[in-house]
Amino acid sequence: MEAMATVVSKVGVMFVLIIVGYLITRIGMLTEKGAGEITTLLLRIVTPCLIINSLIGAGKDIAIGDLLLSAAVSALSMGISILLSYAVFRKEPTPRKKVLRFSMIFSNAGFMGLPLIQGIVGDKGVVYGSFFVVVFNLICWTYGYGMMSGGSLNLKTALLNPGIIGLVVGLPIYFSGVTLPAVITEPIGFLANLNTPLAMLIIGSYVARVSFREFLTDWDIYKMSFLRLILCPALYFGVLLLIRPEPDLFISSVIQASAPVAANAVLFAVEYHQDSALASKTVAASTILSIITIPLFTILAQLVCS
């Protein structure tokens, strides 16, 4: 029941913000141009600050081997989703196919995953979760960027995208143990904290541009949601049973792997002119359905590790 209550609470917070974004768009307060500008701000400024902030705040009491294993199983989770996305979504029009694949691969490991881990696993789990977020951003800003932008990923793009910049700055700080002054860490923290409210407002804004009928009649959304919320986490869970990482890592990674579609699906779709309406629908629908699926996987992980 505790896992269920925590999930419902976090999803509730997310949906209040989405509703606000929906309403201010419907009354004309947030225009399409404004939403596009906020999207650029999120991707180019807030994203690297989010990564740096998560690494600055991570504890140092975990063995390097467990941290490396955390990164490895995180990549494994997304690797499973990538393979399945190519097997399932093959015949759709290209813009639609890209969004469905992206939505299936990338979970809301940051906003939804980390708070859930904090409430269910504790601080040690948050450290593992931070490395999941690091791997998420590394793959999102290389593979995900190349898929959604449609361009070839050259070395300059790979090295200078916001996700990699965040890693380049944050990882040395984490491993060196340097304590930065508040005049640096607090602005980074403030900017990182913009991620959740701004991302949810943007999702609400683009949901406002989609008719309710489209939610009910687009069966690809439900197929994608089944894959993102049930099949991919189930396959990943089975692999973890073979690897048998320590319990906190097991539970933390299961929570993040079973999270709904990442808000980046909408942000990338807007930025790179893909099907932003479809992306908004995948985020909204999968988030609602995750109220049921995340507690199930979390409780199952706790039972296996007890």
C-alpha atoms as a PDB file:
ATOM      1  CA  MET A   1       0.000   0.000   0.000  1.00  0.00           C
ATOM      2  CA  GLU A   2       2.883   2.365   0.743  1.00  0.00           C
ATOM      3  CA  ALA A   3       4.258   1.916  -2.786  1.00  0.00           C
ATOM      4  CA  MET A   4       0.811   2.518  -4.265  1.00  0.00           C
ATOM      5  CA  ALA A   5       0.279   5.682  -2.187  1.00  0.00           C
ATOM      6  CA  THR A   6       3.688   7.085  -3.153  1.00  0.00           C
ATOM      7  CA  VAL A   7       3.106   6.475  -6.859  1.00  0.00           C
ATOM      8  CA  VAL A   8      -0.382   7.982  -6.791  1.00  0.00           C
ATOM      9  CA  SER A   9       0.952  11.052  -4.986  1.00  0.00           C
ATOM     10  CA  LYS A  10       3.764  11.644  -7.489  1.00  0.00           C
ATOM     11  CA  VAL A  11       1.484  11.056 -10.470  1.00  0.00           C
ATOM     12  CA  GLY A  12      -0.999  13.460  -8.934  1.00  0.00           C
ATOM     13  CA  VAL A  13       1.643  16.185  -8.719  1.00  0.00           C
ATOM     14  CA  MET A  14       2.556  15.587 -12.344  1.00  0.00           C
ATOM     15  CA  PHE A  15      -1.028  15.786 -13.524  1.00  0.00           C
ATOM     16  CA  VAL A  16      -1.822  18.982 -11.633  1.00  0.00           C
ATOM     17  CA  LEU A  17       1.047  20.645 -13.505  1.00  0.00           C
ATOM     18  CA  ILE A  18      -0.103  19.152 -16.822  1.00  0.00           C
ATOM     19  CA  ILE A  19      -3.616  20.483 -16.191  1.00  0.00           C
ATOM     20  CA  VAL A  20      -2.204  23.955 -15.482  1.00  0.00           C
ATOM     21  CA  GLY A  21      -0.311  23.824 -18.784  1.00  0.00           C
ATOM     22  CA  TYR A  22      -3.495  22.682 -20.520  1.00  0.00           C
ATOM     23  CA  LEU A  23      -5.588  25.505 -19.052  1.00  0.00           C
ATOM     24  CA  ILE A  24      -3.155  28.353 -19.693  1.00  0.00           C
ATOM     25  CA  THR A  25      -2.867  27.179 -23.291  1.00  0.00           C
ATOM     26  CA  ARG A  26      -6.634  26.984 -23.767  1.00  0.00           C
ATOM     27  CA  ILE A  27      -7.082  30.560 -22.520  1.00  0.00           C
ATOM     28  CA  GLY A  28      -4.253  31.813 -24.718  1.00  0.00           C
ATOM     29  CA  MET A  29      -1.743  32.624 -21.972  1.00  0.00           C
ATOM     30  CA  LEU A  30       0.824  30.144 -23.327  1.00  0.00           C
ATOM     31  CA  THR A  31       1.184  30.292 -27.111  1.00  0.00           C
ATOM     32  CA  GLU A  32       2.780  27.767 -29.433  1.00  0.00           C
ATOM     33  CA  LYS A  33       5.741  30.108 -29.886  1.00  0.00           C
ATOM     34  CA  GLY A  34       6.152  30.457 -26.133  1.00  0.00           C
ATOM     35  CA  ALA A  35       5.979  26.691 -25.643  1.00  0.00           C
ATOM     36  CA  GLY A  36       8.696  26.257 -28.270  1.00  0.00           C
ATOM     37  CA  GLU A  37      10.951  28.771 -26.514  1.00  0.00           C
ATOM     38  CA  ILE A  38      10.455  27.066 -23.144  1.00  0.00           C
ATOM     39  CA  THR A  39      11.269  23.742 -24.804  1.00  0.00           C
ATOM     40  CA  THR A  40      14.585  25.128 -26.042  1.00  0.00           C
ATOM     41  CA  LEU A  41      15.338  26.453 -22.537  1.00  0.00           C
ATOM     42  CA  LEU A  42      14.618  23.041 -21.028  1.00  0.00           C
ATOM     43  CA  LEU A  43      16.799  21.151 -23.475  1.00  0.00           C
ATOM     44  CA  ARG A  44      19.741  23.531 -23.688  1.00  0.00           C
ATOM     45  CA  ILE A  45      20.031  24.975 -20.158  1.00  0.00           C
ATOM     46  CA  VAL A  46      17.958  23.005 -17.651  1.00  0.00           C
ATOM     47  CA  THR A  47      19.035  19.529 -18.823  1.00  0.00           C
ATOM     48  CA  PRO A  48      22.780  19.913 -18.147  1.00  0.00           C
ATOM     49  CA  CYS A  49      22.026  21.590 -14.814  1.00  0.00           C
ATOM     50  CA  LEU A  50      19.777  18.654 -13.869  1.00  0.00           C
ATOM     51  CA  ILE A  51      22.574  16.147 -14.531  1.00  0.00           C
ATOM     52  CA  ILE A  52      25.216  18.194 -12.725  1.00  0.00           C
ATOM     53  CA  ASN A  53      22.917  18.735  -9.753  1.00  0.00           C
ATOM     54  CA  SER A  54      22.119  15.024  -9.419  1.00  0.00           C
ATOM     55  CA  LEU A  55      25.828  14.176  -9.353  1.00  0.00           C
ATOM     56  CA  ILE A  56      26.703  16.970  -6.921  1.00  0.00           C
ATOM     57  CA  GLY A  57      24.046  15.697  -4.523  1.00  0.00           C
ATOM     58  CA  ALA A  58      24.894  11.997  -4.821  1.00  0.00           C
ATOM     59  CA  GLY A  59      26.471  10.286  -1.808  1.00  0.00           C
ATOM     60  CA  LYS A  60      29.945   8.717  -1.886  1.00  0.00           C
ATOM     61  CA  ASP A  61      29.357   5.624   0.290  1.00  0.00           C
ATOM     62  CA  ILE A  62      28.835   3.085  -2.494  1.00  0.00           C
ATOM     63  CA  ALA A  63      31.546   0.836  -3.933  1.00  0.00           C
ATOM     64  CA  ILE A  64      32.728   1.751  -7.428  1.00  0.00           C
ATOM     65  CA  GLY A  65      31.834  -1.749  -8.602  1.00  0.00           C
ATOM     66  CA  ASP A  66      28.195  -1.258  -7.642  1.00  0.00           C
ATOM     67  CA  LEU A  67      28.120   2.134  -9.364  1.00  0.00           C
ATOM     68  CA  LEU A  68      29.512   0.614 -12.548  1.00  0.00           C
ATOM     69  CA  LEU A  69      26.963  -2.199 -12.304  1.00  0.00           C
ATOM     70  CA  SER A  70      24.258   0.441 -11.843  1.00  0.00           C
ATOM     71  CA  ALA A  71      25.320   2.129 -15.083  1.00  0.00           C
ATOM     72  CA  ALA A  72      25.535  -1.222 -16.881  1.00  0.00           C
ATOM     73  CA  VAL A  73      22.052  -2.415 -15.912  1.00  0.00           C
ATOM     74  CA  SER A  74      20.644   1.004 -16.791  1.00  0.00           C
ATOM     75  CA  ALA A  75      22.057   0.685 -20.303  1.00  0.00           C
ATOM     76  CA  LEU A  76      20.720  -2.867 -20.429  1.00  0.00           C
ATOM     77  CA  SER A  77      17.214  -1.632 -19.634  1.00  0.00           C
ATOM     78  CA  MET A  78      17.254   0.821 -22.530  1.00  0.00           C
ATOM     79  CA  GLY A  79      18.934  -1.715 -24.811  1.00  0.00           C
ATOM     80  CA  ILE A  80      16.017  -4.124 -24.315  1.00  0.00           C
ATOM     81  CA  SER A  81      13.571  -1.342 -25.157  1.00  0.00           C
ATOM     82  CA  ILE A  82      15.514  -0.316 -28.265  1.00  0.00           C
ATOM     83  CA  LEU A  83      15.461  -3.845 -29.665  1.00  0.00           C
ATOM     84  CA  LEU A  84      11.745  -4.257 -28.993  1.00  0.00           C
ATOM     85  CA  SER A  85      10.909  -0.856 -30.485  1.00  0.00           C
ATOM     86  CA  TYR A  86      12.481  -1.856 -33.794  1.00  0.00           C
ATOM     87  CA  ALA A  87      10.706  -5.203 -33.757  1.00  0.00           C
ATOM     88  CA  VAL A  88       7.260  -3.712 -33.114  1.00  0.00           C
ATOM     89  CA  PHE A  89       7.120  -0.304 -34.825  1.00  0.00           C
ATOM     90  CA  ARG A  90       8.188  -0.821 -38.430  1.00  0.00           C
ATOM     91  CA  LYS A  91       5.352   0.083 -40.793  1.00  0.00           C
ATOM     92  CA  GLU A  92       4.187   3.441 -39.378  1.00  0.00           C
ATOM     93  CA  PRO A  93       4.907   6.758 -41.162  1.00  0.00           C
ATOM     94  CA  THR A  94       8.395   7.973 -40.248  1.00  0.00           C
ATOM     95  CA  PRO A  95       7.484  10.881 -37.893  1.00  0.00           C
ATOM     96  CA  ARG A  96       5.021   8.655 -36.052  1.00  0.00           C
ATOM     97  CA  LYS A  97       7.420   5.723 -35.926  1.00  0.00           C
ATOM     98  CA  LYS A  98      10.177   7.878 -34.443  1.00  0.00           C
ATOM     99  CA  VAL A  99       7.930   9.175 -31.662  1.00  0.00           C
ATOM    100  CA  LEU A 100       6.563   5.729 -30.804  1.00  0.00           C
ATOM    101  CA  ARG A 101      10.052   4.231 -30.660  1.00  0.00           C
ATOM    102  CA  PHE A 102      11.421   7.108 -28.594  1.00  0.00           C
ATOM    103  CA  SER A 103       8.451   6.900 -26.208  1.00  0.00           C
ATOM    104  CA  MET A 104       8.953   3.179 -25.764  1.00  0.00           C
ATOM    105  CA  ILE A 105      12.697   3.443 -25.118  1.00  0.00           C
ATOM    106  CA  PHE A 106      12.965   6.358 -22.684  1.00  0.00           C
ATOM    107  CA  SER A 107      11.182   6.284 -19.321  1.00  0.00           C
ATOM    108  CA  ASN A 108      10.522   9.154 -16.937  1.00  0.00           C
ATOM    109  CA  ALA A 109      13.479   8.031 -14.836  1.00  0.00           C
ATOM    110  CA  GLY A 110      14.211  11.501 -13.446  1.00  0.00           C
ATOM    111  CA  PHE A 111      11.100  13.293 -12.227  1.00  0.00           C
ATOM    112  CA  MET A 112       9.014  10.219 -11.580  1.00  0.00           C
ATOM    113  CA  GLY A 113      11.764   7.678 -10.869  1.00  0.00           C
ATOM    114  CA  LEU A 114      13.956   9.537  -8.386  1.00  0.00           C
ATOM    115  CA  PRO A 115      11.175  10.745  -6.037  1.00  0.00           C
ATOM    116  CA  LEU A 116       9.704   7.246  -5.952  1.00  0.00           C
ATOM    117  CA  ILE A 117      13.110   5.767  -5.159  1.00  0.00           C
ATOM    118  CA  GLN A 118      13.621   8.333  -2.393  1.00  0.00           C
ATOM    119  CA  GLY A 119      10.318   7.391  -0.803  1.00  0.00           C
ATOM    120  CA  ILE A 120      10.616   3.618  -1.209  1.00  0.00           C
ATOM    121  CA  VAL A 121      14.353   2.780  -1.120  1.00  0.00           C
ATOM    122  CA  GLY A 122      16.011   5.806   0.496  1.00  0.00           C
ATOM    123  CA  ASP A 123      19.190   7.803  -0.080  1.00  0.00           C
ATOM    124  CA  LYS A 124      21.307   4.888  -1.273  1.00  0.00           C
ATOM    125  CA  GLY A 125      18.748   4.150  -3.932  1.00  0.00           C
ATOM    126  CA  VAL A 126      18.843   7.782  -5.063  1.00  0.00           C
ATOM    127  CA  VAL A 127      22.554   7.443  -5.786  1.00  0.00           C
ATOM    128  CA  TYR A 128      21.866   4.430  -8.006  1.00  0.00           C
ATOM    129  CA  GLY A 129      18.973   6.322  -9.534  1.00  0.00           C
ATOM    130  CA  SER A 130      21.217   9.281 -10.336  1.00  0.00           C
ATOM    131  CA  PHE A 131      23.486   7.010 -12.365  1.00  0.00           C
ATOM    132  CA  PHE A 132      20.440   5.647 -14.185  1.00  0.00           C
ATOM    133  CA  VAL A 133      19.593   9.265 -15.070  1.00  0.00           C
ATOM    134  CA  VAL A 134      23.169   9.829 -16.250  1.00  0.00           C
ATOM    135  CA  VAL A 135      22.996   6.796 -18.567  1.00  0.00           C
ATOM    136  CA  PHE A 136      19.527   7.877 -19.688  1.00  0.00           C
ATOM    137  CA  ASN A 137      20.840  11.279 -20.752  1.00  0.00           C
ATOM    138  CA  LEU A 138      23.909   9.815 -22.421  1.00  0.00           C
ATOM    139  CA  ILE A 139      21.760   7.530 -24.612  1.00  0.00           C
ATOM    140  CA  CYS A 140      18.985  10.098 -25.040  1.00  0.00           C
ATOM    141  CA  TRP A 141      21.368  12.787 -26.296  1.00  0.00           C
ATOM    142  CA  THR A 142      23.248  10.480 -28.644  1.00  0.00           C
ATOM    143  CA  TYR A 143      20.999   7.714 -29.947  1.00  0.00           C
ATOM    144  CA  GLY A 144      17.716   9.495 -29.135  1.00  0.00           C
ATOM    145  CA  TYR A 145      18.929  12.784 -30.571  1.00  0.00           C
ATOM    146  CA  GLY A 146      20.045  11.137 -33.816  1.00  0.00           C
ATOM    147  CA  MET A 147      16.739   9.292 -34.203  1.00  0.00           C
ATOM    148  CA  MET A 148      14.485  12.291 -33.538  1.00  0.00           C
ATOM    149  CA  SER A 149      16.511  14.965 -35.334  1.00  0.00           C
ATOM    150  CA  GLY A 150      16.933  12.828 -38.449  1.00  0.00           C
ATOM    151  CA  GLY A 151      20.490  13.993 -38.893  1.00  0.00           C
ATOM    152  CA  SER A 152      23.683  12.004 -38.740  1.00  0.00           C
ATOM    153  CA  LEU A 153      25.357  12.169 -35.368  1.00  0.00           C
ATOM    154  CA  ASN A 154      28.791  13.688 -35.968  1.00  0.00           C
ATOM    155  CA  LEU A 155      31.498  13.970 -33.322  1.00  0.00           C
ATOM    156  CA  LYS A 156      30.790  17.642 -32.633  1.00  0.00           C
ATOM    157  CA  THR A 157      27.102  16.973 -31.986  1.00  0.00           C
ATOM    158  CA  ALA A 158      27.899  13.980 -29.773  1.00  0.00           C
ATOM    159  CA  LEU A 159      30.346  15.953 -27.628  1.00  0.00           C
ATOM    160  CA  LEU A 160      28.520  19.280 -27.401  1.00  0.00           C
ATOM    161  CA  ASN A 161      24.917  18.225 -26.763  1.00  0.00           C
ATOM    162  CA  PRO A 162      23.460  19.266 -23.363  1.00  0.00           C
ATOM    163  CA  GLY A 163      23.436  15.741 -21.948  1.00  0.00           C
ATOM    164  CA  ILE A 164      27.126  15.149 -22.566  1.00  0.00           C
ATOM    165  CA  ILE A 165      28.056  18.626 -21.325  1.00  0.00           C
ATOM    166  CA  GLY A 166      26.271  17.831 -18.057  1.00  0.00           C
ATOM    167  CA  LEU A 167      28.229  14.589 -17.724  1.00  0.00           C
ATOM    168  CA  VAL A 168      31.577  16.174 -18.567  1.00  0.00           C
ATOM    169  CA  VAL A 169      31.067  18.779 -15.849  1.00  0.00           C
ATOM    170  CA  GLY A 170      29.306  16.600 -13.263  1.00  0.00           C
ATOM    171  CA  LEU A 171      31.272  13.336 -13.258  1.00  0.00           C
ATOM    172  CA  PRO A 172      34.656  14.872 -12.312  1.00  0.00           C
ATOM    173  CA  ILE A 173      32.951  16.721  -9.467  1.00  0.00           C
ATOM    174  CA  TYR A 174      31.370  13.484  -8.240  1.00  0.00           C
ATOM    175  CA  PHE A 175      34.512  11.330  -8.358  1.00  0.00           C
ATOM    176  CA  SER A 176      36.882  14.014  -7.051  1.00  0.00           C
ATOM    177  CA  GLY A 177      34.704  14.769  -4.041  1.00  0.00           C
ATOM    178  CA  VAL A 178      35.241  18.517  -4.485  1.00  0.00           C
ATOM    179  CA  THR A 179      32.825  20.652  -2.484  1.00  0.00           C
ATOM    180  CA  LEU A 180      31.672  23.574  -4.569  1.00  0.00           C
ATOM    181  CA  PRO A 181      30.652  26.884  -2.993  1.00  0.00           C
ATOM    182  CA  ALA A 182      26.974  27.678  -2.577  1.00  0.00           C
ATOM    183  CA  VAL A 183      27.234  30.533  -5.057  1.00  0.00           C
ATOM    184  CA  ILE A 184      27.717  27.844  -7.741  1.00  0.00           C
ATOM    185  CA  THR A 185      25.650  24.929  -6.448  1.00  0.00           C
ATOM    186  CA  GLU A 186      22.530  26.906  -5.570  1.00  0.00           C
ATOM    187  CA  PRO A 187      22.000  28.457  -9.036  1.00  0.00           C
ATOM    188  CA  ILE A 188      22.576  25.025 -10.596  1.00  0.00           C
ATOM    189  CA  GLY A 189      20.026  23.558  -8.194  1.00  0.00           C
ATOM    190  CA  PHE A 190      17.484  26.287  -8.926  1.00  0.00           C
ATOM    191  CA  LEU A 191      17.802  25.728 -12.667  1.00  0.00           C
ATOM    192  CA  ALA A 192      17.589  21.944 -12.251  1.00  0.00           C
ATOM    193  CA  ASN A 193      14.394  22.364 -10.230  1.00  0.00           C
ATOM    194  CA  LEU A 194      12.778  24.088 -13.212  1.00  0.00           C
ATOM    195  CA  ASN A 195      12.771  20.779 -15.096  1.00  0.00           C
ATOM    196  CA  THR A 196       9.656  19.244 -13.586  1.00  0.00           C
ATOM    197  CA  PRO A 197       7.252  22.222 -13.601  1.00  0.00           C
ATOM    198  CA  LEU A 198       8.304  23.521 -17.022  1.00  0.00           C
ATOM    199  CA  ALA A 199       8.301  20.077 -18.657  1.00  0.00           C
ATOM    200  CA  MET A 200       4.828  19.285 -17.316  1.00  0.00           C
ATOM    201  CA  LEU A 201       3.482  22.699 -18.418  1.00  0.00           C
ATOM    202  CA  ILE A 202       4.787  22.043 -21.930  1.00  0.00           C
ATOM    203  CA  ILE A 203       3.190  18.594 -22.003  1.00  0.00           C
ATOM    204  CA  GLY A 204      -0.111  20.130 -20.894  1.00  0.00           C
ATOM    205  CA  SER A 205       0.247  22.776 -23.572  1.00  0.00           C
ATOM    206  CA  TYR A 206       0.578  20.232 -26.327  1.00  0.00           C
ATOM    207  CA  VAL A 207      -2.151  18.008 -24.903  1.00  0.00           C
ATOM    208  CA  ALA A 208      -4.421  21.058 -25.196  1.00  0.00           C
ATOM    209  CA  ARG A 209      -3.853  20.998 -28.948  1.00  0.00           C
ATOM    210  CA  VAL A 210      -5.031  17.365 -29.275  1.00  0.00           C
ATOM    211  CA  SER A 211      -8.722  16.449 -29.445  1.00  0.00           C
ATOM    212  CA  PHE A 212     -10.097  14.054 -26.822  1.00  0.00           C
ATOM    213  CA  ARG A 213     -11.341  11.782 -29.587  1.00  0.00           C
ATOM    214  CA  GLU A 214      -7.762  11.219 -30.764  1.00  0.00           C
ATOM    215  CA  PHE A 215      -6.869   9.791 -27.350  1.00  0.00           C
ATOM    216  CA  LEU A 216      -9.645   7.225 -27.580  1.00  0.00           C
ATOM    217  CA  THR A 217      -9.093   6.143 -31.183  1.00  0.00           C
ATOM    218  CA  ASP A 218      -5.305   5.963 -31.451  1.00  0.00           C
ATOM    219  CA  TRP A 219      -4.561   2.317 -30.665  1.00  0.00           C
ATOM    220  CA  ASP A 220      -0.821   2.767 -31.136  1.00  0.00           C
ATOM    221  CA  ILE A 221      -0.781   4.684 -27.849  1.00  0.00           C
ATOM    222  CA  TYR A 222      -2.103   1.672 -25.965  1.00  0.00           C
ATOM    223  CA  LYS A 223       0.225  -0.724 -27.760  1.00  0.00           C
ATOM    224  CA  MET A 224       3.177   1.489 -26.914  1.00  0.00           C
ATOM    225  CA  SER A 225       1.983   1.836 -23.296  1.00  0.00           C
ATOM    226  CA  PHE A 226       1.772  -1.949 -22.908  1.00  0.00           C
ATOM    227  CA  LEU A 227       5.330  -2.296 -24.178  1.00  0.00           C
ATOM    228  CA  ARG A 228       6.717   0.605 -22.090  1.00  0.00           C
ATOM    229  CA  LEU A 229       4.905  -0.242 -18.853  1.00  0.00           C
ATOM    230  CA  ILE A 230       4.634  -4.031 -18.874  1.00  0.00           C
ATOM    231  CA  LEU A 231       6.640  -6.001 -21.440  1.00  0.00           C
ATOM    232  CA  CYS A 232       9.938  -4.061 -21.296  1.00  0.00           C
ATOM    233  CA  PRO A 233      10.034  -3.919 -17.468  1.00  0.00           C
ATOM    234  CA  ALA A 234       9.070  -7.615 -17.285  1.00  0.00           C
ATOM    235  CA  LEU A 235      11.923  -8.655 -19.575  1.00  0.00           C
ATOM    236  CA  TYR A 236      14.331  -6.424 -17.657  1.00  0.00           C
ATOM    237  CA  PHE A 237      13.102  -7.881 -14.361  1.00  0.00           C
ATOM    238  CA  GLY A 238      13.864 -11.371 -15.656  1.00  0.00           C
ATOM    239  CA  VAL A 239      17.409 -10.376 -16.614  1.00  0.00           C
ATOM    240  CA  LEU A 240      17.977  -8.820 -13.168  1.00  0.00           C
ATOM    241  CA  LEU A 241      16.953 -12.110 -11.574  1.00  0.00           C
ATOM    242  CA  LEU A 242      19.908 -13.699 -13.375  1.00  0.00           C
ATOM    243  CA  ILE A 243      22.367 -10.892 -12.532  1.00  0.00           C
ATOM    244  CA  ARG A 244      21.182 -10.528  -8.926  1.00  0.00           C
ATOM    245  CA  PRO A 245      22.465  -7.042  -8.029  1.00  0.00           C
ATOM    246  CA  GLU A 246      22.246  -5.983  -4.390  1.00  0.00           C
ATOM    247  CA  PRO A 247      18.654  -5.287  -3.238  1.00  0.00           C
ATOM    248  CA  ASP A 248      18.673  -1.460  -3.286  1.00  0.00           C
ATOM    249  CA  LEU A 249      20.056  -1.426  -6.814  1.00  0.00           C
ATOM    250  CA  PHE A 250      17.577  -4.108  -7.906  1.00  0.00           C
ATOM    251  CA  ILE A 251      14.528  -2.230  -6.609  1.00  0.00           C
ATOM    252  CA  SER A 252      15.724   1.210  -7.721  1.00  0.00           C
ATOM    253  CA  SER A 253      16.436   0.168 -11.295  1.00  0.00           C
ATOM    254  CA  VAL A 254      13.124  -1.694 -11.573  1.00  0.00           C
ATOM    255  CA  ILE A 255      11.249   1.448 -10.513  1.00  0.00           C
ATOM    256  CA  GLN A 256      12.998   3.579 -13.134  1.00  0.00           C
ATOM    257  CA  ALA A 257      12.676   0.975 -15.875  1.00  0.00           C
ATOM    258  CA  SER A 258       8.914   0.705 -15.282  1.00  0.00           C
ATOM    259  CA  ALA A 259       8.281   4.475 -15.272  1.00  0.00           C
ATOM    260  CA  PRO A 260       6.016   5.998 -17.955  1.00  0.00           C
ATOM    261  CA  VAL A 261       7.161   7.817 -21.085  1.00  0.00           C
ATOM    262  CA  ALA A 262       9.769  10.533 -20.504  1.00  0.00           C
ATOM    263  CA  ALA A 263       8.748  14.161 -20.920  1.00  0.00           C
ATOM    264  CA  ASN A 264      11.681  14.390 -23.359  1.00  0.00           C
ATOM    265  CA  ALA A 265       9.451  12.668 -25.915  1.00  0.00           C
ATOM    266  CA  VAL A 266       7.401  15.853 -26.193  1.00  0.00           C
ATOM    267  CA  LEU A 267      10.396  18.175 -25.898  1.00  0.00           C
ATOM    268  CA  PHE A 268      12.339  16.400 -28.649  1.00  0.00           C
ATOM    269  CA  ALA A 269       9.270  16.078 -30.878  1.00  0.00           C
ATOM    270  CA  VAL A 270       8.708  19.832 -30.661  1.00  0.00           C
ATOM    271  CA  GLU A 271      12.364  20.756 -31.073  1.00  0.00           C
ATOM    272  CA  TYR A 272      12.926  18.503 -34.100  1.00  0.00           C
ATOM    273  CA  HIS A 273       9.505  18.887 -35.748  1.00  0.00           C
ATOM    274  CA  GLN A 274       8.209  15.357 -35.227  1.00  0.00           C
ATOM    275  CA  ASP A 275       4.640  14.403 -34.207  1.00  0.00           C
ATOM    276  CA  SER A 276       4.367  16.434 -30.976  1.00  0.00           C
ATOM    277  CA  ALA A 277       0.642  15.658 -30.600  1.00  0.00           C
ATOM    278  CA  LEU A 278       1.371  11.928 -30.569  1.00  0.00           C
ATOM    279  CA  ALA A 279       4.241  12.451 -28.122  1.00  0.00           C
ATOM    280  CA  SER A 280       1.927  14.359 -25.762  1.00  0.00           C
ATOM    281  CA  LYS A 281      -0.610  11.545 -25.917  1.00  0.00           C
ATOM    282  CA  THR A 282       2.002   8.874 -25.143  1.00  0.00           C
ATOM    283  CA  VAL A 283       3.197  10.777 -22.061  1.00  0.00           C
ATOM    284  CA  ALA A 284      -0.295  11.482 -20.739  1.00  0.00           C
ATOM    285  CA  ALA A 285      -1.710   7.984 -21.343  1.00  0.00           C
ATOM    286  CA  SER A 286       1.316   6.083 -20.013  1.00  0.00           C
ATOM    287  CA  THR A 287       1.463   8.272 -16.899  1.00  0.00           C
ATOM    288  CA  ILE A 288      -2.168   7.506 -16.044  1.00  0.00           C
ATOM    289  CA  LEU A 289      -1.690   3.764 -16.601  1.00  0.00           C
ATOM    290  CA  SER A 290       1.530   3.720 -14.557  1.00  0.00           C
ATOM    291  CA  ILE A 291      -0.548   4.234 -11.400  1.00  0.00           C
ATOM    292  CA  ILE A 292      -1.333   0.523 -11.716  1.00  0.00           C
ATOM    293  CA  THR A 293       1.869  -0.911 -13.191  1.00  0.00           C
ATOM    294  CA  ILE A 294       4.664   0.754 -11.173  1.00  0.00           C
ATOM    295  CA  PRO A 295       3.391  -0.461  -7.757  1.00  0.00           C
ATOM    296  CA  LEU A 296       3.075  -3.997  -9.121  1.00  0.00           C
ATOM    297  CA  PHE A 297       6.702  -4.118 -10.287  1.00  0.00           C
ATOM    298  CA  THR A 298       7.921  -2.347  -7.142  1.00  0.00           C
ATOM    299  CA  ILE A 299       6.157  -4.772  -4.813  1.00  0.00           C
ATOM    300  CA  LEU A 300       7.382  -7.746  -6.858  1.00  0.00           C
ATOM    301  CA  ALA A 301      10.971  -6.453  -6.639  1.00  0.00           C
ATOM    302  CA  GLN A 302      10.642  -6.001  -2.872  1.00  0.00           C
ATOM    303  CA  LEU A 303       9.330  -9.549  -2.487  1.00  0.00           C
ATOM    304  CA  VAL A 304      12.212 -10.995  -4.533  1.00  0.00           C
ATOM    305  CA  CYS A 305      14.786  -9.049  -2.516  1.00  0.00           C
ATOM    306  CA  SER A 306      13.300  -9.734   0.926  1.00  0.00           C
END
